[in-house]
Amino acid sequence: MPLNFPVNVSDGSVISGGMIGLLFCGFWIATVVIHIAFAVAVYTDSEYLWGHFRRKTFLVGGGMWALATLLGGVFVAAIYWLIHHSTLRPHRLAPGSSAEPGQPGNG
């Protein structure tokens, strides 16, 4: 049964209940899309860190970071970035590597 009652808004306009439902669904669809996009970005970045710099993710693997981002959204993605791309995590060489990433001779 659709909501068809009018709702008064503070500026005096009237929005129907169907319009509120549509806005509510649109908000949740946008939230789901954003969570998925950030989760994919976190997973891709974790693979990039390992493939190019031989740096593992902190605490758990990239898949778990992606799952956490899928559930927690932008806030978990921000925590991931703080841990992996800010100055909070020192840049150390991985065991067995001889030069800094990006230096000649370090393929």
Foldseek 3Di string as FASTA:
>chain_A
DAFADWDADPVGDIDGSNVVVVVVVVVVVVQQVQLLVLLVVQLVVQVVCCVQQVDAQPPDHSNVLSVCSSVVPPVSSVVSCCAPPNVPDDDDHDPPFDDGGPDPPGD
